[in-house]
Amino acid sequence: MANLCPDRAPRTIGPYVHAVVHGNLVFTTACIPLDPAMMTIVGGGPENQLRRIFDNLKIILEESGTTLDRIIKQNVYLTDFEQFEAFNKVSAEYLGDHSPARATMKVLELPKHAPMGLDVVAALPE
């Protein structure tokens, strides 16, 4: 089992890692829309924030040896379900026709008062 904390991704906020590789699977910690350089939540509305989340996940997955198109499960955390359609739109931008299994949950609050978060399980290439 390998623990990963890529330097190009935002630092974790607590005492945990970005991802754990176990067998042929990568399990990520929930990503929020943090700018890696400033460690602040990016502005620009839900779609821009979701793009930042996917960009951060892309970094983490690449460092783990896999890619966004190998995601098999997503857990989406929204503080406002009005963001649901924005998530679907941005997800399609990044994943195309690839449709992983997904759970979407409304949550009361996320770290740094982030409006949304996403964690995934992805397969490593065979």
Protein backbone atom coordinates (compact mmCIF):
# COMPACT_ATOMS: atom_id res chain seq x y z
CA MET A 1 0.00 0.00 0.00
CA ALA A 2 1.38 3.42 -0.97
CA ASN A 3 0.40 6.84 0.38
CA LEU A 4 0.73 9.81 -1.93
CA CYS A 5 0.98 13.58 -1.45
CA PRO A 6 1.87 15.18 -4.81
CA ASP A 7 3.67 18.53 -4.56
CA ARG A 8 1.67 20.01 -7.47
CA ALA A 9 -1.65 19.49 -5.68
CA PRO A 10 -2.86 21.69 -2.82
CA ARG A 11 -1.48 20.61 0.52
CA THR A 12 -3.86 18.57 2.62
CA ILE A 13 -5.55 20.52 5.39
CA GLY A 14 -5.18 17.81 8.01
CA PRO A 15 -2.95 14.87 8.87
CA TYR A 16 -3.90 12.74 5.87
CA VAL A 17 -2.68 11.99 2.36
CA HIS A 18 -4.12 12.82 -1.05
CA ALA A 19 -4.46 9.21 -2.07
CA VAL A 20 -3.80 5.64 -1.09
CA VAL A 21 -2.93 3.02 -3.67
CA HIS A 22 -4.08 -0.43 -2.64
CA GLY A 23 -3.79 -3.29 -5.09
CA ASN A 24 -4.92 -1.97 -8.45
CA LEU A 25 -7.09 0.81 -6.98
CA VAL A 26 -6.47 4.43 -6.03
CA PHE A 27 -8.61 5.93 -3.27
CA THR A 28 -8.48 9.73 -3.03
CA THR A 29 -9.23 12.06 -0.19
CA ALA A 30 -12.05 14.50 -0.94
CA CYS A 31 -10.76 17.42 -3.01
CA ILE A 32 -12.19 20.87 -2.54
CA PRO A 33 -11.64 23.79 -4.95
CA LEU A 34 -8.31 24.91 -3.50
CA ASP A 35 -5.80 26.87 -5.53
CA PRO A 36 -2.54 24.90 -5.06
CA ALA A 37 -0.36 28.02 -4.81
CA MET A 38 -2.52 30.16 -2.54
CA MET A 39 -4.32 27.41 -0.57
CA THR A 40 -7.55 29.40 -0.86
CA ILE A 41 -10.92 28.48 -2.35
CA VAL A 42 -11.06 29.68 -5.96
CA GLY A 43 -13.81 32.08 -6.99
CA GLY A 44 -15.66 32.38 -10.26
CA GLY A 45 -18.76 30.39 -9.40
CA PRO A 46 -19.56 26.69 -9.18
CA GLU A 47 -18.33 25.67 -12.63
CA ASN A 48 -14.92 27.29 -12.12
CA GLN A 49 -14.67 25.74 -8.65
CA LEU A 50 -15.55 22.32 -10.02
CA ARG A 51 -12.90 22.67 -12.73
CA ARG A 52 -10.35 23.36 -10.00
CA ILE A 53 -11.46 20.19 -8.19
CA PHE A 54 -11.08 18.10 -11.36
CA ASP A 55 -7.68 19.70 -12.10
CA ASN A 56 -6.52 18.84 -8.57
CA LEU A 57 -7.83 15.29 -8.91
CA LYS A 58 -6.11 14.93 -12.28
CA ILE A 59 -2.78 15.79 -10.63
CA ILE A 60 -3.35 13.33 -7.80
CA LEU A 61 -4.44 10.51 -10.10
CA GLU A 62 -1.52 11.07 -12.50
CA GLU A 63 0.93 10.98 -9.60
CA SER A 64 -0.77 7.76 -8.49
CA GLY A 65 -0.28 6.19 -11.93
CA THR A 66 -3.77 6.55 -13.39
CA THR A 67 -6.08 9.03 -15.11
CA LEU A 68 -9.53 10.58 -14.85
CA ASP A 69 -10.94 8.16 -17.42
CA ARG A 70 -10.16 5.26 -15.05
CA ILE A 71 -12.42 6.59 -12.27
CA ILE A 72 -14.88 3.89 -11.28
CA LYS A 73 -16.65 5.61 -8.35
CA GLN A 74 -17.29 9.23 -7.38
CA ASN A 75 -18.57 10.63 -4.10
CA VAL A 76 -19.82 14.18 -4.62
CA TYR A 77 -20.36 16.50 -1.65
CA LEU A 78 -22.48 19.63 -2.23
CA THR A 79 -23.48 22.23 0.33
CA ASP A 80 -26.20 23.40 -2.09
CA PHE A 81 -28.03 21.11 -4.51
CA GLU A 82 -28.33 24.07 -6.90
CA GLN A 83 -24.75 23.09 -7.85
CA PHE A 84 -25.88 19.66 -9.10
CA GLU A 85 -26.31 20.67 -12.75
CA ALA A 86 -22.98 22.53 -12.71
CA PHE A 87 -21.34 19.33 -11.47
CA ASN A 88 -22.93 17.33 -14.29
CA LYS A 89 -21.74 19.87 -16.88
CA VAL A 90 -18.15 20.07 -15.65
CA SER A 91 -17.97 16.32 -15.11
CA ALA A 92 -18.91 15.83 -18.78
CA GLU A 93 -16.16 18.29 -19.79
CA TYR A 94 -13.54 16.24 -17.97
CA LEU A 95 -14.89 12.71 -18.36
CA GLY A 96 -16.66 12.84 -21.72
CA ASP A 97 -18.79 9.73 -22.19
CA HIS A 98 -17.09 7.95 -19.27
CA SER A 99 -19.74 7.52 -16.55
CA PRO A 100 -18.45 6.19 -13.24
CA ALA A 101 -20.80 5.09 -10.49
CA ARG A 102 -21.66 8.08 -8.34
CA ALA A 103 -23.16 9.07 -5.02
CA THR A 104 -24.15 12.70 -4.46
CA MET A 105 -24.65 13.95 -0.94
CA LYS A 106 -25.79 17.27 0.44
CA VAL A 107 -23.57 18.20 3.37
CA LEU A 108 -23.82 20.91 5.96
CA GLU A 109 -20.22 22.09 5.72
CA LEU A 110 -16.82 21.22 4.24
CA PRO A 111 -13.29 22.29 5.27
CA LYS A 112 -12.44 25.94 4.60
CA HIS A 113 -16.17 26.52 3.99
CA ALA A 114 -15.81 24.98 0.52
CA PRO A 115 -19.09 24.75 -1.37
CA MET A 116 -18.31 21.32 -2.82
CA GLY A 117 -15.94 18.38 -2.70
CA LEU A 118 -15.22 15.19 -4.62
CA ASP A 119 -13.42 11.97 -3.84
CA VAL A 120 -12.95 9.08 -6.22
CA VAL A 121 -11.85 5.50 -6.58
CA ALA A 122 -9.90 4.86 -9.78
CA ALA A 123 -8.35 1.76 -11.32
CA LEU A 124 -4.69 1.58 -12.22
CA PRO A 125 -3.87 0.58 -15.81
CA GLU A 126 -3.63 -3.16 -16.33
